[in-house]
């Protein structure tokens, strides 16, 4: 994570697309974050599809999407299986971090 990158809260495709259009226009590389515990109420499939659509429709914009999984390792694993590349959890979990690494993803600290 680049500390100079703008951190933008996204809740849906409309917000994600707007943030990425803005990043394209301004030449920035944003860090997109979901609300706390988002994996539990949006679902892993939706969040994986959100990331995939953003990568497909904005291939020229460097961005990170960090999905917050709260304190639910099951939601974290489901997000990883759905293709989410960056997850965060309330407390660091070594097992989840290791599984994420094996899947080419990361367990990261939620930006503040």
C-alpha atoms as a PDB file:
ATOM      1  CA  UNK A   1       0.000   0.000   0.000  1.00  0.00           C
ATOM      2  CA  UNK A   2       1.286   3.397  -0.971  1.00  0.00           C
ATOM      3  CA  UNK A   3       0.681   5.808   1.914  1.00  0.00           C
ATOM      4  CA  UNK A   4       0.208   8.663  -0.604  1.00  0.00           C
ATOM      5  CA  UNK A   5      -2.672   6.877  -2.352  1.00  0.00           C
ATOM      6  CA  UNK A   6      -6.124   8.273  -1.652  1.00  0.00           C
ATOM      7  CA  UNK A   7      -8.285   6.002   0.520  1.00  0.00           C
ATOM      8  CA  UNK A   8     -11.893   5.905  -0.677  1.00  0.00           C
ATOM      9  CA  UNK A   9     -14.844   4.091   0.912  1.00  0.00           C
ATOM     10  CA  UNK A  10     -16.927   2.163  -1.629  1.00  0.00           C
ATOM     11  CA  UNK A  11     -20.233   0.445  -1.021  1.00  0.00           C
ATOM     12  CA  UNK A  12     -21.389  -0.526  -4.499  1.00  0.00           C
ATOM     13  CA  UNK A  13     -20.507  -0.513  -8.190  1.00  0.00           C
ATOM     14  CA  UNK A  14     -21.651   3.080  -8.696  1.00  0.00           C
ATOM     15  CA  UNK A  15     -19.252   4.365  -6.037  1.00  0.00           C
ATOM     16  CA  UNK A  16     -16.435   2.090  -7.234  1.00  0.00           C
ATOM     17  CA  UNK A  17     -16.782   3.197 -10.861  1.00  0.00           C
ATOM     18  CA  UNK A  18     -16.896   6.875  -9.844  1.00  0.00           C
ATOM     19  CA  UNK A  19     -13.731   6.494  -7.765  1.00  0.00           C
ATOM     20  CA  UNK A  20     -11.926   4.730 -10.595  1.00  0.00           C
ATOM     21  CA  UNK A  21     -13.055   7.267 -13.211  1.00  0.00           C
ATOM     22  CA  UNK A  22     -11.726  10.013 -10.945  1.00  0.00           C
ATOM     23  CA  UNK A  23      -8.453   8.126 -10.452  1.00  0.00           C
ATOM     24  CA  UNK A  24      -8.102   7.720 -14.217  1.00  0.00           C
ATOM     25  CA  UNK A  25      -8.688  11.441 -14.777  1.00  0.00           C
ATOM     26  CA  UNK A  26      -6.253  12.461 -12.036  1.00  0.00           C
ATOM     27  CA  UNK A  27      -3.612   9.793 -12.581  1.00  0.00           C
ATOM     28  CA  UNK A  28      -3.916   8.448  -9.042  1.00  0.00           C
ATOM     29  CA  UNK A  29      -3.829   4.905  -7.660  1.00  0.00           C
ATOM     30  CA  UNK A  30      -6.584   4.724  -5.057  1.00  0.00           C
ATOM     31  CA  UNK A  31      -7.059   2.332  -2.201  1.00  0.00           C
ATOM     32  CA  UNK A  32     -10.725   1.383  -2.176  1.00  0.00           C
ATOM     33  CA  UNK A  33     -12.052   0.074   1.129  1.00  0.00           C
ATOM     34  CA  UNK A  34     -15.379  -1.448   2.020  1.00  0.00           C
ATOM     35  CA  UNK A  35     -17.278  -0.623   5.203  1.00  0.00           C
ATOM     36  CA  UNK A  36     -16.255  -2.511   8.334  1.00  0.00           C
ATOM     37  CA  UNK A  37     -17.586  -6.069   8.278  1.00  0.00           C
ATOM     38  CA  UNK A  38     -18.701  -5.716   4.659  1.00  0.00           C
ATOM     39  CA  UNK A  39     -18.083  -9.375   3.869  1.00  0.00           C
ATOM     40  CA  UNK A  40     -20.846 -10.374   6.274  1.00  0.00           C
ATOM     41  CA  UNK A  41     -23.568  -8.226   4.714  1.00  0.00           C
ATOM     42  CA  UNK A  42     -22.546  -7.896   1.049  1.00  0.00           C
ATOM     43  CA  UNK A  43     -21.336 -11.454   0.647  1.00  0.00           C
ATOM     44  CA  UNK A  44     -18.166 -12.815  -0.867  1.00  0.00           C
ATOM     45  CA  UNK A  45     -19.651 -13.402  -4.321  1.00  0.00           C
ATOM     46  CA  UNK A  46     -20.735  -9.787  -4.675  1.00  0.00           C
ATOM     47  CA  UNK A  47     -17.376  -8.458  -3.470  1.00  0.00           C
ATOM     48  CA  UNK A  48     -15.418 -10.801  -5.748  1.00  0.00           C
ATOM     49  CA  UNK A  49     -17.588  -9.712  -8.684  1.00  0.00           C
ATOM     50  CA  UNK A  50     -17.048  -6.055  -7.736  1.00  0.00           C
ATOM     51  CA  UNK A  51     -13.289  -6.529  -7.912  1.00  0.00           C
ATOM     52  CA  UNK A  52     -13.461  -8.492 -11.172  1.00  0.00           C
ATOM     53  CA  UNK A  53     -15.674  -5.869 -12.832  1.00  0.00           C
ATOM     54  CA  UNK A  54     -13.387  -3.048 -11.689  1.00  0.00           C
ATOM     55  CA  UNK A  55     -10.348  -4.850 -13.119  1.00  0.00           C
ATOM     56  CA  UNK A  56     -12.167  -5.510 -16.404  1.00  0.00           C
ATOM     57  CA  UNK A  57     -13.625  -2.038 -16.897  1.00  0.00           C
ATOM     58  CA  UNK A  58     -10.615  -0.092 -15.585  1.00  0.00           C
ATOM     59  CA  UNK A  59      -7.554  -2.117 -16.661  1.00  0.00           C
ATOM     60  CA  UNK A  60      -5.520   1.099 -16.970  1.00  0.00           C
ATOM     61  CA  UNK A  61      -6.102   2.200 -13.355  1.00  0.00           C
ATOM     62  CA  UNK A  62      -3.847   0.836 -10.620  1.00  0.00           C
ATOM     63  CA  UNK A  63      -5.996   0.341  -7.532  1.00  0.00           C
ATOM     64  CA  UNK A  64      -6.368  -1.857  -4.486  1.00  0.00           C
ATOM     65  CA  UNK A  65      -9.702  -3.045  -3.156  1.00  0.00           C
ATOM     66  CA  UNK A  66      -9.555  -4.007   0.509  1.00  0.00           C
ATOM     67  CA  UNK A  67     -12.551  -5.982   1.710  1.00  0.00           C
ATOM     68  CA  UNK A  68     -13.188  -5.822   5.444  1.00  0.00           C
ATOM     69  CA  UNK A  69     -14.090  -9.196   6.914  1.00  0.00           C
ATOM     70  CA  UNK A  70     -14.539  -8.058  10.515  1.00  0.00           C
ATOM     71  CA  UNK A  71     -13.753 -10.891  12.888  1.00  0.00           C
ATOM     72  CA  UNK A  72     -15.110 -13.686  10.661  1.00  0.00           C
ATOM     73  CA  UNK A  73     -12.458 -16.056   9.273  1.00  0.00           C
ATOM     74  CA  UNK A  74     -15.144 -17.891   7.291  1.00  0.00           C
ATOM     75  CA  UNK A  75     -16.091 -14.713   5.457  1.00  0.00           C
ATOM     76  CA  UNK A  76     -12.411 -13.987   4.840  1.00  0.00           C
ATOM     77  CA  UNK A  77     -11.904 -17.422   3.278  1.00  0.00           C
ATOM     78  CA  UNK A  78     -15.050 -17.052   1.168  1.00  0.00           C
ATOM     79  CA  UNK A  79     -13.805 -13.697  -0.134  1.00  0.00           C
ATOM     80  CA  UNK A  80     -10.446 -15.223  -1.044  1.00  0.00           C
ATOM     81  CA  UNK A  81     -12.207 -18.053  -2.907  1.00  0.00           C
ATOM     82  CA  UNK A  82     -14.289 -15.430  -4.742  1.00  0.00           C
ATOM     83  CA  UNK A  83     -11.163 -13.732  -6.070  1.00  0.00           C
ATOM     84  CA  UNK A  84     -10.733 -10.863  -3.614  1.00  0.00           C
ATOM     85  CA  UNK A  85      -7.016 -10.061  -3.470  1.00  0.00           C
ATOM     86  CA  UNK A  86      -6.831  -7.951  -0.298  1.00  0.00           C
ATOM     87  CA  UNK A  87      -8.777  -8.611   2.871  1.00  0.00           C
ATOM     88  CA  UNK A  88      -8.631  -7.069   6.313  1.00  0.00           C
ATOM     89  CA  UNK A  89      -9.770  -8.408   9.649  1.00  0.00           C
ATOM     90  CA  UNK A  90     -10.307  -6.765  13.012  1.00  0.00           C
ATOM     91  CA  UNK A  91      -7.500  -8.871  14.517  1.00  0.00           C
ATOM     92  CA  UNK A  92      -4.569 -10.320  12.576  1.00  0.00           C
ATOM     93  CA  UNK A  93      -5.016 -14.053  11.943  1.00  0.00           C
ATOM     94  CA  UNK A  94      -1.832 -15.946  11.024  1.00  0.00           C
ATOM     95  CA  UNK A  95      -3.728 -18.879   9.480  1.00  0.00           C
ATOM     96  CA  UNK A  96      -5.837 -16.630   7.247  1.00  0.00           C
ATOM     97  CA  UNK A  97      -2.727 -14.615   6.303  1.00  0.00           C
ATOM     98  CA  UNK A  98      -0.933 -17.822   5.286  1.00  0.00           C
ATOM     99  CA  UNK A  99      -3.892 -19.080   3.246  1.00  0.00           C
ATOM    100  CA  UNK A 100      -4.182 -15.675   1.548  1.00  0.00           C
ATOM    101  CA  UNK A 101      -0.482 -15.778   0.602  1.00  0.00           C
ATOM    102  CA  UNK A 102      -0.901 -19.267  -0.852  1.00  0.00           C
ATOM    103  CA  UNK A 103      -3.776 -17.938  -2.979  1.00  0.00           C
ATOM    104  CA  UNK A 104      -1.800 -14.930  -4.240  1.00  0.00           C
ATOM    105  CA  UNK A 105      -3.714 -12.550  -1.971  1.00  0.00           C
ATOM    106  CA  UNK A 106      -2.957 -10.638   1.233  1.00  0.00           C
ATOM    107  CA  UNK A 107      -4.380 -10.052   4.668  1.00  0.00           C
ATOM    108  CA  UNK A 108      -3.638  -6.356   5.242  1.00  0.00           C
ATOM    109  CA  UNK A 109      -4.247  -3.772   7.919  1.00  0.00           C
ATOM    110  CA  UNK A 110      -7.313  -1.641   7.224  1.00  0.00           C
ATOM    111  CA  UNK A 111      -6.235   1.907   6.309  1.00  0.00           C
ATOM    112  CA  UNK A 112      -7.355   4.563   8.751  1.00  0.00           C
END
